Each structure stands twice: as C-alpha cells, then as structure tokens.
C-alpha cells in the first residue's frame, strides 16, 4: 500500500497513534510526511514502514519520498520476465551440466 493511502485510511485516532509510534508530531505526519514536503531521516523512514504494521513496505516509503527510481526498477523487472531462461544448446554440443560426467 502506498504511504499516503495508508495515512488516509487511518482516520483521526489512527493518525494520532501512528504518529506516536513513529515518534513524530501529528501535524508533521499530516503535512510533511503525507505530502513528502521534507526529506526524512533514515530512522523516520524505517519507523514509517515498521510502524505501519506491514501495510507499507520500506521500498514504498522510499518511493513516496522520491528516494528510489521506481520506473527503472519496474522496467528492469519487466525485461527480466521477458528474457528467456537459459541459452539454447546447439545440436551435437554437450550442455554445461554434462561436462565432466562422461562415461569411461
């Protein structure tokens, strides 16, 4: 789940509790964290992921603040999916797993 969506889903009391678990002020969470207006500390980034109780992953927090390039990451994953697994072996050639296993 995206961090902003998670914060929106909490409701008033949930936002207060989440901010307390992350050890930040409620207004800081609502203004600076939710809208990524300030660069957070490493400890806050970790706390935002950890204290979401599994709803927001660390990579999603990093992406929220623009600290990772998610477009390149997803493009690389798509290319990896399309890449054929292994290489075709030309006829009459031993596969590399058969090297050293000749019968004598």
C-alpha atoms as a PDB file:
ATOM      1  CA  UNK A   1       0.000   0.000   0.000  1.00  0.00           C
ATOM      2  CA  UNK A   2       1.255   3.490  -0.721  1.00  0.00           C
ATOM      3  CA  UNK A   3       2.138   5.596   2.312  1.00  0.00           C
ATOM      4  CA  UNK A   4      -0.319   8.390   1.511  1.00  0.00           C
ATOM      5  CA  UNK A   5      -3.152   5.883   1.060  1.00  0.00           C
ATOM      6  CA  UNK A   6      -2.252   4.244   4.351  1.00  0.00           C
ATOM      7  CA  UNK A   7      -2.322   7.573   6.208  1.00  0.00           C
ATOM      8  CA  UNK A   8      -5.673   8.436   4.595  1.00  0.00           C
ATOM      9  CA  UNK A   9      -7.124   5.081   5.673  1.00  0.00           C
ATOM     10  CA  UNK A  10      -6.256   5.538   9.343  1.00  0.00           C
ATOM     11  CA  UNK A  11      -8.895   8.028  10.464  1.00  0.00           C
ATOM     12  CA  UNK A  12      -8.268  10.700  13.090  1.00  0.00           C
ATOM     13  CA  UNK A  13      -7.422   8.399  16.003  1.00  0.00           C
ATOM     14  CA  UNK A  14      -5.300   6.114  13.818  1.00  0.00           C
ATOM     15  CA  UNK A  15      -3.216   9.066  12.600  1.00  0.00           C
ATOM     16  CA  UNK A  16      -2.579  10.121  16.198  1.00  0.00           C
ATOM     17  CA  UNK A  17      -1.498   6.579  17.141  1.00  0.00           C
ATOM     18  CA  UNK A  18       0.677   6.135  14.036  1.00  0.00           C
ATOM     19  CA  UNK A  19       2.440   9.462  14.650  1.00  0.00           C
ATOM     20  CA  UNK A  20       3.072   8.467  18.283  1.00  0.00           C
ATOM     21  CA  UNK A  21       4.509   5.086  17.218  1.00  0.00           C
ATOM     22  CA  UNK A  22       6.797   6.880  14.749  1.00  0.00           C
ATOM     23  CA  UNK A  23       7.731   9.427  17.456  1.00  0.00           C
ATOM     24  CA  UNK A  24       6.690  12.458  15.406  1.00  0.00           C
ATOM     25  CA  UNK A  25       4.045  15.152  15.830  1.00  0.00           C
ATOM     26  CA  UNK A  26       0.644  14.592  14.242  1.00  0.00           C
ATOM     27  CA  UNK A  27       0.931  17.828  12.249  1.00  0.00           C
ATOM     28  CA  UNK A  28       4.357  16.765  10.929  1.00  0.00           C
ATOM     29  CA  UNK A  29       2.826  13.482   9.757  1.00  0.00           C
ATOM     30  CA  UNK A  30      -0.175  15.186   8.135  1.00  0.00           C
ATOM     31  CA  UNK A  31       1.787  17.941   6.402  1.00  0.00           C
ATOM     32  CA  UNK A  32       5.369  16.907   5.782  1.00  0.00           C
ATOM     33  CA  UNK A  33       5.231  13.122   5.675  1.00  0.00           C
ATOM     34  CA  UNK A  34       1.919  12.695   3.851  1.00  0.00           C
ATOM     35  CA  UNK A  35       2.850  15.156   1.101  1.00  0.00           C
ATOM     36  CA  UNK A  36       6.621  14.432   1.127  1.00  0.00           C
ATOM     37  CA  UNK A  37       7.461  18.091   1.704  1.00  0.00           C
ATOM     38  CA  UNK A  38      10.644  17.428   3.698  1.00  0.00           C
ATOM     39  CA  UNK A  39      13.395  14.860   3.405  1.00  0.00           C
ATOM     40  CA  UNK A  40      13.002  12.450   6.322  1.00  0.00           C
ATOM     41  CA  UNK A  41      15.778  10.964   8.413  1.00  0.00           C
ATOM     42  CA  UNK A  42      16.745   7.338   7.937  1.00  0.00           C
ATOM     43  CA  UNK A  43      15.276   6.462  11.333  1.00  0.00           C
ATOM     44  CA  UNK A  44      11.941   8.063  10.387  1.00  0.00           C
ATOM     45  CA  UNK A  45      11.853   6.214   7.062  1.00  0.00           C
ATOM     46  CA  UNK A  46      12.373   2.922   8.896  1.00  0.00           C
ATOM     47  CA  UNK A  47       9.776   3.817  11.527  1.00  0.00           C
ATOM     48  CA  UNK A  48       7.145   4.723   8.922  1.00  0.00           C
ATOM     49  CA  UNK A  49       7.488   1.281   7.351  1.00  0.00           C
ATOM     50  CA  UNK A  50       7.833  -0.660  10.614  1.00  0.00           C
ATOM     51  CA  UNK A  51       5.018   1.090  12.475  1.00  0.00           C
ATOM     52  CA  UNK A  52       2.557   0.643   9.603  1.00  0.00           C
ATOM     53  CA  UNK A  53       2.375  -2.962  10.844  1.00  0.00           C
ATOM     54  CA  UNK A  54       3.011  -4.482   7.430  1.00  0.00           C
ATOM     55  CA  UNK A  55       0.736  -2.193   5.412  1.00  0.00           C
ATOM     56  CA  UNK A  56       3.538  -0.121   3.868  1.00  0.00           C
ATOM     57  CA  UNK A  57       6.841  -1.659   2.752  1.00  0.00           C
ATOM     58  CA  UNK A  58      10.166   0.121   3.112  1.00  0.00           C
ATOM     59  CA  UNK A  59      10.527   0.447  -0.685  1.00  0.00           C
ATOM     60  CA  UNK A  60       7.123   2.149  -0.816  1.00  0.00           C
ATOM     61  CA  UNK A  61       8.213   4.675   1.816  1.00  0.00           C
ATOM     62  CA  UNK A  62      11.410   5.349  -0.143  1.00  0.00           C
ATOM     63  CA  UNK A  63       9.413   5.766  -3.372  1.00  0.00           C
ATOM     64  CA  UNK A  64       6.972   8.119  -1.614  1.00  0.00           C
ATOM     65  CA  UNK A  65       9.838  10.483  -0.829  1.00  0.00           C
ATOM     66  CA  UNK A  66      11.397  10.081  -4.282  1.00  0.00           C
ATOM     67  CA  UNK A  67      14.469   8.326  -2.926  1.00  0.00           C
ATOM     68  CA  UNK A  68      14.317   5.427  -5.396  1.00  0.00           C
ATOM     69  CA  UNK A  69      13.637   5.437  -9.116  1.00  0.00           C
ATOM     70  CA  UNK A  70      10.659   3.108  -9.355  1.00  0.00           C
ATOM     71  CA  UNK A  71      10.287   3.494 -13.133  1.00  0.00           C
ATOM     72  CA  UNK A  72      13.712   1.932 -13.815  1.00  0.00           C
ATOM     73  CA  UNK A  73      13.096  -0.770 -11.242  1.00  0.00           C
ATOM     74  CA  UNK A  74       9.797  -1.859 -12.772  1.00  0.00           C
ATOM     75  CA  UNK A  75      11.234  -1.643 -16.296  1.00  0.00           C
ATOM     76  CA  UNK A  76      14.122  -3.926 -15.305  1.00  0.00           C
ATOM     77  CA  UNK A  77      11.685  -6.396 -13.737  1.00  0.00           C
ATOM     78  CA  UNK A  78       9.611  -6.480 -16.930  1.00  0.00           C
ATOM     79  CA  UNK A  79      12.709  -7.105 -19.059  1.00  0.00           C
ATOM     80  CA  UNK A  80      13.737  -9.925 -16.727  1.00  0.00           C
ATOM     81  CA  UNK A  81      10.311 -11.561 -17.125  1.00  0.00           C
ATOM     82  CA  UNK A  82      10.567 -11.434 -20.929  1.00  0.00           C
ATOM     83  CA  UNK A  83      14.132 -12.774 -21.067  1.00  0.00           C
ATOM     84  CA  UNK A  84      14.265 -16.469 -21.919  1.00  0.00           C
ATOM     85  CA  UNK A  85      15.673 -18.645 -19.186  1.00  0.00           C
ATOM     86  CA  UNK A  86      18.969 -20.278 -20.173  1.00  0.00           C
ATOM     87  CA  UNK A  87      20.523 -20.399 -23.605  1.00  0.00           C
ATOM     88  CA  UNK A  88      19.674 -22.869 -26.343  1.00  0.00           C
ATOM     89  CA  UNK A  89      22.323 -25.536 -26.824  1.00  0.00           C
ATOM     90  CA  UNK A  90      23.423 -26.110 -30.446  1.00  0.00           C
ATOM     91  CA  UNK A  91      22.841 -29.656 -31.757  1.00  0.00           C
ATOM     92  CA  UNK A  92      25.739 -32.052 -31.135  1.00  0.00           C
ATOM     93  CA  UNK A  93      27.072 -29.965 -28.230  1.00  0.00           C
ATOM     94  CA  UNK A  94      27.153 -31.079 -24.634  1.00  0.00           C
ATOM     95  CA  UNK A  95      25.256 -28.988 -22.134  1.00  0.00           C
ATOM     96  CA  UNK A  96      27.491 -27.400 -19.469  1.00  0.00           C
ATOM     97  CA  UNK A  97      25.889 -29.559 -16.766  1.00  0.00           C
ATOM     98  CA  UNK A  98      27.112 -32.658 -18.593  1.00  0.00           C
ATOM     99  CA  UNK A  99      30.758 -31.530 -18.625  1.00  0.00           C
ATOM    100  CA  UNK A 100      32.888 -33.861 -16.531  1.00  0.00           C
ATOM    101  CA  UNK A 101      30.248 -36.534 -16.397  1.00  0.00           C
ATOM    102  CA  UNK A 102      31.491 -38.588 -19.336  1.00  0.00           C
ATOM    103  CA  UNK A 103      31.241 -42.313 -19.074  1.00  0.00           C
ATOM    104  CA  UNK A 104      34.520 -44.195 -19.282  1.00  0.00           C
END
